[in-house]
Amino acid sequence: MMNGINKTQSLQELMASKAVVGSEPNAKAPSSVSEMDKSIVDSIFDKLTVLFPVGRPKDEALATHKAEWLKTLAAQGVSSIEQIKLGLQRARMDKGDRQFWPSPLQFAKWCKLSLVEAAGLPSDDEAYQEALKNYYRSEKHTWSHQLVLLAVRETGGWLFSRGKEHEVRQVFSRNYSMLVKRFINGEQFDVELPKALPSKVSVPTPKKKALSKISDIRKQLNLGARA
C-alpha cells in the first residue's frame, strides 16, 4: 500500500485490461507478461527514482505506469532477472548528467544491449560496420567475434557487394540476431541458418544497360528517339 493506493490490485486490473498507455485501442497484453513479478517493476522504479529524479510518474499514476512498463518489457523480450539487473547497470553507466526519467522502451533497450555486451559481443551496429568493411576479405580479417564472421557468411558476399544498403542491413541484422540469441542461450550456432533474403532485392542497373532498355521500350511504344 502506498499513499492509499492498492498497487497489487490496481496492477492486476490494469494488466488484464486492453486500454494501455500508448497501445492500440484493442491491443492485448502479451501472454508472457504474467510471468513478470510485480516486485520486479517495484524494484526497478525504486532504483530509477534515485538515478533519475526528474519526471518520475506521480504517486497517483504509479499503478498505471508500472502496468505499462511490465507490458512493454515483456513485449520487448525482457523476461529475466538477469536482464533487469544488466539494464540497471547500464542505466548507471549511461546516466552522466541526465536527470530525466527514462521511458520503458529506453530501459528495455538498456536491458537488451547490456545482455549482448555482457556476453562479450559487439552490438548490431558495430557488427554490421565491421562486416561492411571486411566482408570481401573475411578469411584474412581478424574478426571481433566469430559470430560476426558467421553472420557475414550467411548474408553472402554477393548481397554485400550488389544489394542496396537497407537490404543488406536487414538481412545481416536478422542473421546476426539469430546467432546472438543462440549464443546467449548456450545453443550451438554452427548450424547453417536459413537464408533471409528480402522479398525483392534491388540491384542498381548499369547506366548503359538502363539506357538501352529505355530505348527498346520507346521503340515498342512507337515513341521514336528522344530529341
C-alpha atoms as a PDB file:
ATOM      1  CA  MET A   1       0.000   0.000   0.000  1.00  0.00           C
ATOM      2  CA  MET A   2       1.421   3.396  -0.978  1.00  0.00           C
ATOM      3  CA  ASN A   3      -0.329   6.735  -0.420  1.00  0.00           C
ATOM      4  CA  GLY A   4      -3.658   4.943  -0.178  1.00  0.00           C
ATOM      5  CA  ILE A   5      -3.171   3.043  -3.457  1.00  0.00           C
ATOM      6  CA  ASN A   6      -3.592  -0.715  -3.517  1.00  0.00           C
ATOM      7  CA  LYS A   7      -0.806  -1.292  -6.028  1.00  0.00           C
ATOM      8  CA  THR A   8      -1.265  -5.058  -6.283  1.00  0.00           C
ATOM      9  CA  GLN A   9      -4.960  -4.854  -7.050  1.00  0.00           C
ATOM     10  CA  SER A  10      -4.527  -1.932  -9.436  1.00  0.00           C
ATOM     11  CA  LEU A  11      -1.769  -3.685 -11.340  1.00  0.00           C
ATOM     12  CA  GLN A  12      -3.768  -6.877 -11.684  1.00  0.00           C
ATOM     13  CA  GLU A  13      -6.738  -4.963 -13.048  1.00  0.00           C
ATOM     14  CA  LEU A  14      -4.611  -2.906 -15.423  1.00  0.00           C
ATOM     15  CA  MET A  15      -2.612  -5.882 -16.641  1.00  0.00           C
ATOM     16  CA  ALA A  16      -5.850  -7.595 -17.640  1.00  0.00           C
ATOM     17  CA  SER A  17      -7.242  -4.516 -19.368  1.00  0.00           C
ATOM     18  CA  LYS A  18      -6.953  -3.692 -23.053  1.00  0.00           C
ATOM     19  CA  ALA A  19      -6.632   0.058 -22.610  1.00  0.00           C
ATOM     20  CA  VAL A  20      -2.932   0.656 -22.041  1.00  0.00           C
ATOM     21  CA  VAL A  21      -0.865   3.810 -22.241  1.00  0.00           C
ATOM     22  CA  GLY A  22       0.490   4.138 -25.788  1.00  0.00           C
ATOM     23  CA  SER A  23      -1.186   0.979 -27.086  1.00  0.00           C
ATOM     24  CA  GLU A  24      -3.648   0.436 -29.899  1.00  0.00           C
ATOM     25  CA  PRO A  25      -7.340   0.614 -28.869  1.00  0.00           C
ATOM     26  CA  ASN A  26      -7.864  -3.164 -28.973  1.00  0.00           C
ATOM     27  CA  ALA A  27      -4.337  -4.270 -28.080  1.00  0.00           C
ATOM     28  CA  LYS A  28      -3.953  -7.184 -25.707  1.00  0.00           C
ATOM     29  CA  ALA A  29      -1.198  -7.726 -23.189  1.00  0.00           C
ATOM     30  CA  PRO A  30       1.472 -10.226 -24.265  1.00  0.00           C
ATOM     31  CA  SER A  31       0.867 -13.631 -22.676  1.00  0.00           C
ATOM     32  CA  SER A  32       4.385 -13.680 -21.216  1.00  0.00           C
ATOM     33  CA  VAL A  33       3.717 -10.588 -19.143  1.00  0.00           C
ATOM     34  CA  SER A  34       2.029 -12.655 -16.433  1.00  0.00           C
ATOM     35  CA  GLU A  35       5.416 -14.194 -15.698  1.00  0.00           C
ATOM     36  CA  MET A  36       6.770 -10.844 -14.591  1.00  0.00           C
ATOM     37  CA  ASP A  37       6.552 -10.425 -10.844  1.00  0.00           C
ATOM     38  CA  LYS A  38       5.110  -7.156  -9.535  1.00  0.00           C
ATOM     39  CA  SER A  39       8.043  -6.864  -7.152  1.00  0.00           C
ATOM     40  CA  ILE A  40      10.450  -6.638 -10.087  1.00  0.00           C
ATOM     41  CA  VAL A  41       8.966  -3.466 -11.514  1.00  0.00           C
ATOM     42  CA  ASP A  42       8.609  -2.048  -7.990  1.00  0.00           C
ATOM     43  CA  SER A  43      12.354  -2.549  -7.530  1.00  0.00           C
ATOM     44  CA  ILE A  44      13.096  -1.011 -10.935  1.00  0.00           C
ATOM     45  CA  PHE A  45      11.093   2.085 -10.076  1.00  0.00           C
ATOM     46  CA  ASP A  46      12.761   2.430  -6.657  1.00  0.00           C
ATOM     47  CA  LYS A  47      16.244   2.360  -8.180  1.00  0.00           C
ATOM     48  CA  LEU A  48      15.418   4.586 -11.145  1.00  0.00           C
ATOM     49  CA  THR A  49      13.908   7.158  -8.781  1.00  0.00           C
ATOM     50  CA  VAL A  50      17.360   7.617  -7.249  1.00  0.00           C
ATOM     51  CA  LEU A  51      19.143   7.706 -10.604  1.00  0.00           C
ATOM     52  CA  PHE A  52      16.640   9.880 -12.478  1.00  0.00           C
ATOM     53  CA  PRO A  53      14.674  12.073 -10.060  1.00  0.00           C
ATOM     54  CA  VAL A  54      13.158  14.400 -12.670  1.00  0.00           C
ATOM     55  CA  GLY A  55       9.959  13.325 -14.402  1.00  0.00           C
ATOM     56  CA  ARG A  56       9.174  10.334 -12.219  1.00  0.00           C
ATOM     57  CA  PRO A  57       5.482   9.333 -12.510  1.00  0.00           C
ATOM     58  CA  LYS A  58       3.287  10.845  -9.814  1.00  0.00           C
ATOM     59  CA  ASP A  59       2.160   8.588  -6.990  1.00  0.00           C
ATOM     60  CA  GLU A  60      -1.447   8.543  -8.155  1.00  0.00           C
ATOM     61  CA  ALA A  61      -0.341   7.317 -11.603  1.00  0.00           C
ATOM     62  CA  LEU A  62       2.236   4.753 -10.473  1.00  0.00           C
ATOM     63  CA  ALA A  63      -0.023   1.732 -10.903  1.00  0.00           C
ATOM     64  CA  THR A  64      -0.839   2.674 -14.491  1.00  0.00           C
ATOM     65  CA  HIS A  65       2.799   3.339 -15.374  1.00  0.00           C
ATOM     66  CA  LYS A  66       4.040   0.144 -13.721  1.00  0.00           C
ATOM     67  CA  ALA A  67       1.479  -1.915 -15.598  1.00  0.00           C
ATOM     68  CA  GLU A  68       2.613  -0.343 -18.864  1.00  0.00           C
ATOM     69  CA  TRP A  69       6.264  -0.972 -18.002  1.00  0.00           C
ATOM     70  CA  LEU A  70       5.534  -4.650 -17.377  1.00  0.00           C
ATOM     71  CA  LYS A  71       3.740  -4.980 -20.695  1.00  0.00           C
ATOM     72  CA  THR A  72       6.435  -3.097 -22.603  1.00  0.00           C
ATOM     73  CA  LEU A  73       9.306  -5.086 -21.097  1.00  0.00           C
ATOM     74  CA  ALA A  74       7.534  -8.347 -21.925  1.00  0.00           C
ATOM     75  CA  ALA A  75       6.750  -7.177 -25.464  1.00  0.00           C
ATOM     76  CA  GLN A  76      10.426  -6.232 -25.951  1.00  0.00           C
ATOM     77  CA  GLY A  77      11.607  -9.657 -24.806  1.00  0.00           C
ATOM     78  CA  VAL A  78      12.904  -8.635 -21.376  1.00  0.00           C
ATOM     79  CA  SER A  79      11.814 -11.539 -19.201  1.00  0.00           C
ATOM     80  CA  SER A  80      14.587 -12.417 -16.762  1.00  0.00           C
ATOM     81  CA  ILE A  81      16.049 -11.028 -13.547  1.00  0.00           C
ATOM     82  CA  GLU A  82      19.489 -11.117 -15.178  1.00  0.00           C
ATOM     83  CA  GLN A  83      18.346  -8.809 -17.958  1.00  0.00           C
ATOM     84  CA  ILE A  84      16.775  -6.404 -15.455  1.00  0.00           C
ATOM     85  CA  LYS A  85      19.996  -6.258 -13.416  1.00  0.00           C
ATOM     86  CA  LEU A  86      22.055  -5.632 -16.525  1.00  0.00           C
ATOM     87  CA  GLY A  87      19.626  -2.909 -17.577  1.00  0.00           C
ATOM     88  CA  LEU A  88      20.048  -1.160 -14.244  1.00  0.00           C
ATOM     89  CA  GLN A  89      23.825  -1.418 -14.561  1.00  0.00           C
ATOM     90  CA  ARG A  90      23.633   0.153 -17.998  1.00  0.00           C
ATOM     91  CA  ALA A  91      21.360   2.899 -16.641  1.00  0.00           C
ATOM     92  CA  ARG A  92      24.036   3.759 -14.075  1.00  0.00           C
ATOM     93  CA  MET A  93      26.714   3.815 -16.773  1.00  0.00           C
ATOM     94  CA  ASP A  94      24.694   5.964 -19.183  1.00  0.00           C
ATOM     95  CA  LYS A  95      23.394   8.352 -16.551  1.00  0.00           C
ATOM     96  CA  GLY A  96      26.046  11.060 -16.832  1.00  0.00           C
ATOM     97  CA  ASP A  97      24.342  14.407 -16.251  1.00  0.00           C
ATOM     98  CA  ARG A  98      20.964  13.020 -17.234  1.00  0.00           C
ATOM     99  CA  GLN A  99      18.220  13.621 -14.672  1.00  0.00           C
ATOM    100  CA  PHE A 100      15.063  12.771 -16.607  1.00  0.00           C
ATOM    101  CA  TRP A 101      13.087   9.581 -16.082  1.00  0.00           C
ATOM    102  CA  PRO A 102      13.614   7.060 -18.931  1.00  0.00           C
ATOM    103  CA  SER A 103      10.813   5.561 -20.980  1.00  0.00           C
ATOM    104  CA  PRO A 104      10.091   1.818 -20.705  1.00  0.00           C
ATOM    105  CA  LEU A 105      11.382   1.389 -24.262  1.00  0.00           C
ATOM    106  CA  GLN A 106      14.679   3.044 -23.317  1.00  0.00           C
ATOM    107  CA  PHE A 107      15.047   0.788 -20.289  1.00  0.00           C
ATOM    108  CA  ALA A 108      14.246  -2.291 -22.387  1.00  0.00           C
ATOM    109  CA  LYS A 109      16.971  -1.201 -24.804  1.00  0.00           C
ATOM    110  CA  TRP A 110      19.425  -0.949 -21.907  1.00  0.00           C
ATOM    111  CA  CYS A 111      18.481  -4.456 -20.792  1.00  0.00           C
ATOM    112  CA  LYS A 112      19.000  -5.991 -24.216  1.00  0.00           C
ATOM    113  CA  LEU A 113      22.149  -4.078 -25.091  1.00  0.00           C
ATOM    114  CA  SER A 114      23.655  -4.970 -21.744  1.00  0.00           C
ATOM    115  CA  LEU A 115      22.962  -8.665 -22.258  1.00  0.00           C
ATOM    116  CA  VAL A 116      24.839  -8.618 -25.552  1.00  0.00           C
ATOM    117  CA  GLU A 117      27.719  -6.654 -24.087  1.00  0.00           C
ATOM    118  CA  ALA A 118      27.891  -8.901 -21.027  1.00  0.00           C
ATOM    119  CA  ALA A 119      28.391 -11.836 -23.376  1.00  0.00           C
ATOM    120  CA  GLY A 120      31.345 -10.016 -24.928  1.00  0.00           C
ATOM    121  CA  LEU A 121      29.588  -9.448 -28.242  1.00  0.00           C
ATOM    122  CA  PRO A 122      29.648  -6.356 -30.449  1.00  0.00           C
ATOM    123  CA  SER A 123      26.357  -4.513 -30.855  1.00  0.00           C
ATOM    124  CA  ASP A 124      24.331  -4.961 -34.032  1.00  0.00           C
ATOM    125  CA  ASP A 125      25.622  -1.663 -35.402  1.00  0.00           C
ATOM    126  CA  GLU A 126      29.247  -2.468 -34.536  1.00  0.00           C
ATOM    127  CA  ALA A 127      28.943  -5.916 -36.104  1.00  0.00           C
ATOM    128  CA  TYR A 128      27.368  -4.513 -39.268  1.00  0.00           C
ATOM    129  CA  GLN A 129      30.013  -1.819 -39.713  1.00  0.00           C
ATOM    130  CA  GLU A 130      32.766  -4.398 -39.275  1.00  0.00           C
ATOM    131  CA  ALA A 131      31.063  -6.708 -41.760  1.00  0.00           C
ATOM    132  CA  LEU A 132      30.581  -3.925 -44.301  1.00  0.00           C
ATOM    133  CA  LYS A 133      34.273  -3.040 -44.226  1.00  0.00           C
ATOM    134  CA  ASN A 134      35.639  -6.583 -44.293  1.00  0.00           C
ATOM    135  CA  TYR A 135      33.151  -8.947 -45.973  1.00  0.00           C
ATOM    136  CA  TYR A 136      35.322  -9.201 -49.114  1.00  0.00           C
ATOM    137  CA  ARG A 137      38.341 -10.356 -47.100  1.00  0.00           C
ATOM    138  CA  SER A 138      36.549 -12.412 -44.498  1.00  0.00           C
ATOM    139  CA  GLU A 139      39.213 -15.106 -44.322  1.00  0.00           C
ATOM    140  CA  LYS A 140      42.047 -12.623 -43.741  1.00  0.00           C
ATOM    141  CA  HIS A 141      40.354 -10.224 -41.328  1.00  0.00           C
ATOM    142  CA  THR A 142      40.680 -10.766 -37.571  1.00  0.00           C
ATOM    143  CA  TRP A 143      37.039 -10.556 -36.500  1.00  0.00           C
ATOM    144  CA  SER A 144      35.963  -9.065 -33.189  1.00  0.00           C
ATOM    145  CA  HIS A 145      33.867 -12.195 -32.655  1.00  0.00           C
ATOM    146  CA  GLN A 146      33.285 -15.325 -34.698  1.00  0.00           C
ATOM    147  CA  LEU A 147      29.538 -14.640 -34.720  1.00  0.00           C
ATOM    148  CA  VAL A 148      30.158 -11.629 -36.938  1.00  0.00           C
ATOM    149  CA  LEU A 149      32.002 -13.812 -39.436  1.00  0.00           C
ATOM    150  CA  LEU A 150      29.223 -16.398 -39.373  1.00  0.00           C
ATOM    151  CA  ALA A 151      26.640 -13.679 -39.978  1.00  0.00           C
ATOM    152  CA  VAL A 152      28.695 -12.406 -42.927  1.00  0.00           C
ATOM    153  CA  ARG A 153      28.827 -15.883 -44.443  1.00  0.00           C
ATOM    154  CA  GLU A 154      25.096 -16.362 -44.038  1.00  0.00           C
ATOM    155  CA  THR A 155      24.368 -12.973 -45.584  1.00  0.00           C
ATOM    156  CA  GLY A 156      26.637 -13.649 -48.538  1.00  0.00           C
ATOM    157  CA  GLY A 157      29.258 -11.589 -50.323  1.00  0.00           C
ATOM    158  CA  TRP A 158      27.013 -11.093 -53.366  1.00  0.00           C
ATOM    159  CA  LEU A 159      24.388  -9.242 -51.347  1.00  0.00           C
ATOM    160  CA  PHE A 160      27.045  -7.118 -49.638  1.00  0.00           C
ATOM    161  CA  SER A 161      28.526  -6.071 -52.976  1.00  0.00           C
ATOM    162  CA  ARG A 162      25.367  -5.757 -55.096  1.00  0.00           C
ATOM    163  CA  GLY A 163      22.417  -5.155 -52.794  1.00  0.00           C
ATOM    164  CA  LYS A 164      21.106  -1.837 -51.553  1.00  0.00           C
ATOM    165  CA  GLU A 165      22.302  -0.787 -48.112  1.00  0.00           C
ATOM    166  CA  HIS A 166      18.965  -1.123 -46.313  1.00  0.00           C
ATOM    167  CA  GLU A 167      18.510  -4.612 -47.777  1.00  0.00           C
ATOM    168  CA  VAL A 168      21.986  -5.699 -46.740  1.00  0.00           C
ATOM    169  CA  ARG A 169      21.433  -4.320 -43.240  1.00  0.00           C
ATOM    170  CA  GLN A 170      18.070  -6.073 -42.916  1.00  0.00           C
ATOM    171  CA  VAL A 171      19.443  -9.489 -43.841  1.00  0.00           C
ATOM    172  CA  PHE A 172      22.675  -9.155 -41.866  1.00  0.00           C
ATOM    173  CA  SER A 173      20.899  -7.955 -38.713  1.00  0.00           C
ATOM    174  CA  ARG A 174      18.456 -10.832 -38.906  1.00  0.00           C
ATOM    175  CA  ASN A 175      21.255 -13.403 -39.240  1.00  0.00           C
ATOM    176  CA  TYR A 176      23.366 -11.802 -36.516  1.00  0.00           C
ATOM    177  CA  SER A 177      20.393 -11.566 -34.153  1.00  0.00           C
ATOM    178  CA  MET A 178      19.658 -15.279 -34.583  1.00  0.00           C
ATOM    179  CA  LEU A 179      23.263 -16.172 -33.851  1.00  0.00           C
ATOM    180  CA  VAL A 180      23.405 -13.901 -30.797  1.00  0.00           C
ATOM    181  CA  LYS A 181      20.265 -15.449 -29.305  1.00  0.00           C
ATOM    182  CA  ARG A 182      21.679 -18.933 -29.765  1.00  0.00           C
ATOM    183  CA  PHE A 183      24.989 -17.905 -28.261  1.00  0.00           C
ATOM    184  CA  ILE A 184      23.415 -16.263 -25.205  1.00  0.00           C
ATOM    185  CA  ASN A 185      21.137 -19.259 -24.662  1.00  0.00           C
ATOM    186  CA  GLY A 186      24.105 -21.601 -24.832  1.00  0.00           C
ATOM    187  CA  GLU A 187      22.889 -23.218 -28.064  1.00  0.00           C
ATOM    188  CA  GLN A 188      25.021 -24.411 -30.933  1.00  0.00           C
ATOM    189  CA  PHE A 189      25.297 -21.813 -33.669  1.00  0.00           C
ATOM    190  CA  ASP A 190      27.457 -23.596 -36.229  1.00  0.00           C
ATOM    191  CA  VAL A 191      24.357 -24.988 -37.935  1.00  0.00           C
ATOM    192  CA  GLU A 192      23.580 -23.482 -41.324  1.00  0.00           C
ATOM    193  CA  LEU A 193      20.949 -20.778 -40.952  1.00  0.00           C
ATOM    194  CA  PRO A 194      18.141 -20.378 -43.486  1.00  0.00           C
ATOM    195  CA  LYS A 195      18.867 -17.623 -45.958  1.00  0.00           C
ATOM    196  CA  ALA A 196      16.862 -14.488 -45.191  1.00  0.00           C
ATOM    197  CA  LEU A 197      16.781 -12.512 -48.401  1.00  0.00           C
ATOM    198  CA  PRO A 198      14.232  -9.729 -48.606  1.00  0.00           C
ATOM    199  CA  SER A 199      11.200 -10.393 -50.786  1.00  0.00           C
ATOM    200  CA  LYS A 200      12.772  -8.269 -53.512  1.00  0.00           C
ATOM    201  CA  VAL A 201      16.432  -7.338 -53.763  1.00  0.00           C
ATOM    202  CA  SER A 202      17.014  -4.262 -55.872  1.00  0.00           C
ATOM    203  CA  VAL A 203      20.311  -4.174 -57.746  1.00  0.00           C
ATOM    204  CA  PRO A 204      21.146  -0.890 -59.484  1.00  0.00           C
ATOM    205  CA  THR A 205      21.162  -1.293 -63.276  1.00  0.00           C
ATOM    206  CA  PRO A 206      24.313  -0.036 -65.056  1.00  0.00           C
ATOM    207  CA  LYS A 207      23.657   3.253 -66.848  1.00  0.00           C
ATOM    208  CA  LYS A 208      24.472   1.938 -70.338  1.00  0.00           C
ATOM    209  CA  LYS A 209      22.204  -1.056 -69.927  1.00  0.00           C
ATOM    210  CA  ALA A 210      19.428   1.093 -68.500  1.00  0.00           C
ATOM    211  CA  LEU A 211      19.567   3.488 -71.475  1.00  0.00           C
ATOM    212  CA  SER A 212      19.404   0.533 -73.850  1.00  0.00           C
ATOM    213  CA  LYS A 213      16.293  -0.781 -72.117  1.00  0.00           C
ATOM    214  CA  ILE A 214      14.657   2.632 -72.255  1.00  0.00           C
ATOM    215  CA  SER A 215      15.412   2.842 -75.983  1.00  0.00           C
ATOM    216  CA  ASP A 216      13.812  -0.564 -76.599  1.00  0.00           C
ATOM    217  CA  ILE A 217      10.708   0.424 -74.671  1.00  0.00           C
ATOM    218  CA  ARG A 218      10.358   3.666 -76.620  1.00  0.00           C
ATOM    219  CA  LYS A 219      10.582   1.743 -79.907  1.00  0.00           C
ATOM    220  CA  GLN A 220       7.914  -0.717 -78.774  1.00  0.00           C
ATOM    221  CA  LEU A 221       5.623   2.179 -77.940  1.00  0.00           C
ATOM    222  CA  ASN A 222       6.394   3.954 -81.229  1.00  0.00           C
ATOM    223  CA  LEU A 223       7.643   6.977 -79.369  1.00  0.00           C
ATOM    224  CA  GLY A 224      10.636   7.455 -81.593  1.00  0.00           C
ATOM    225  CA  ALA A 225      14.043   8.622 -80.488  1.00  0.00           C
ATOM    226  CA  ARG A 226      14.309  11.309 -77.841  1.00  0.00           C
ATOM    227  CA  ALA A 227      15.407  14.653 -79.216  1.00  0.00           C
END
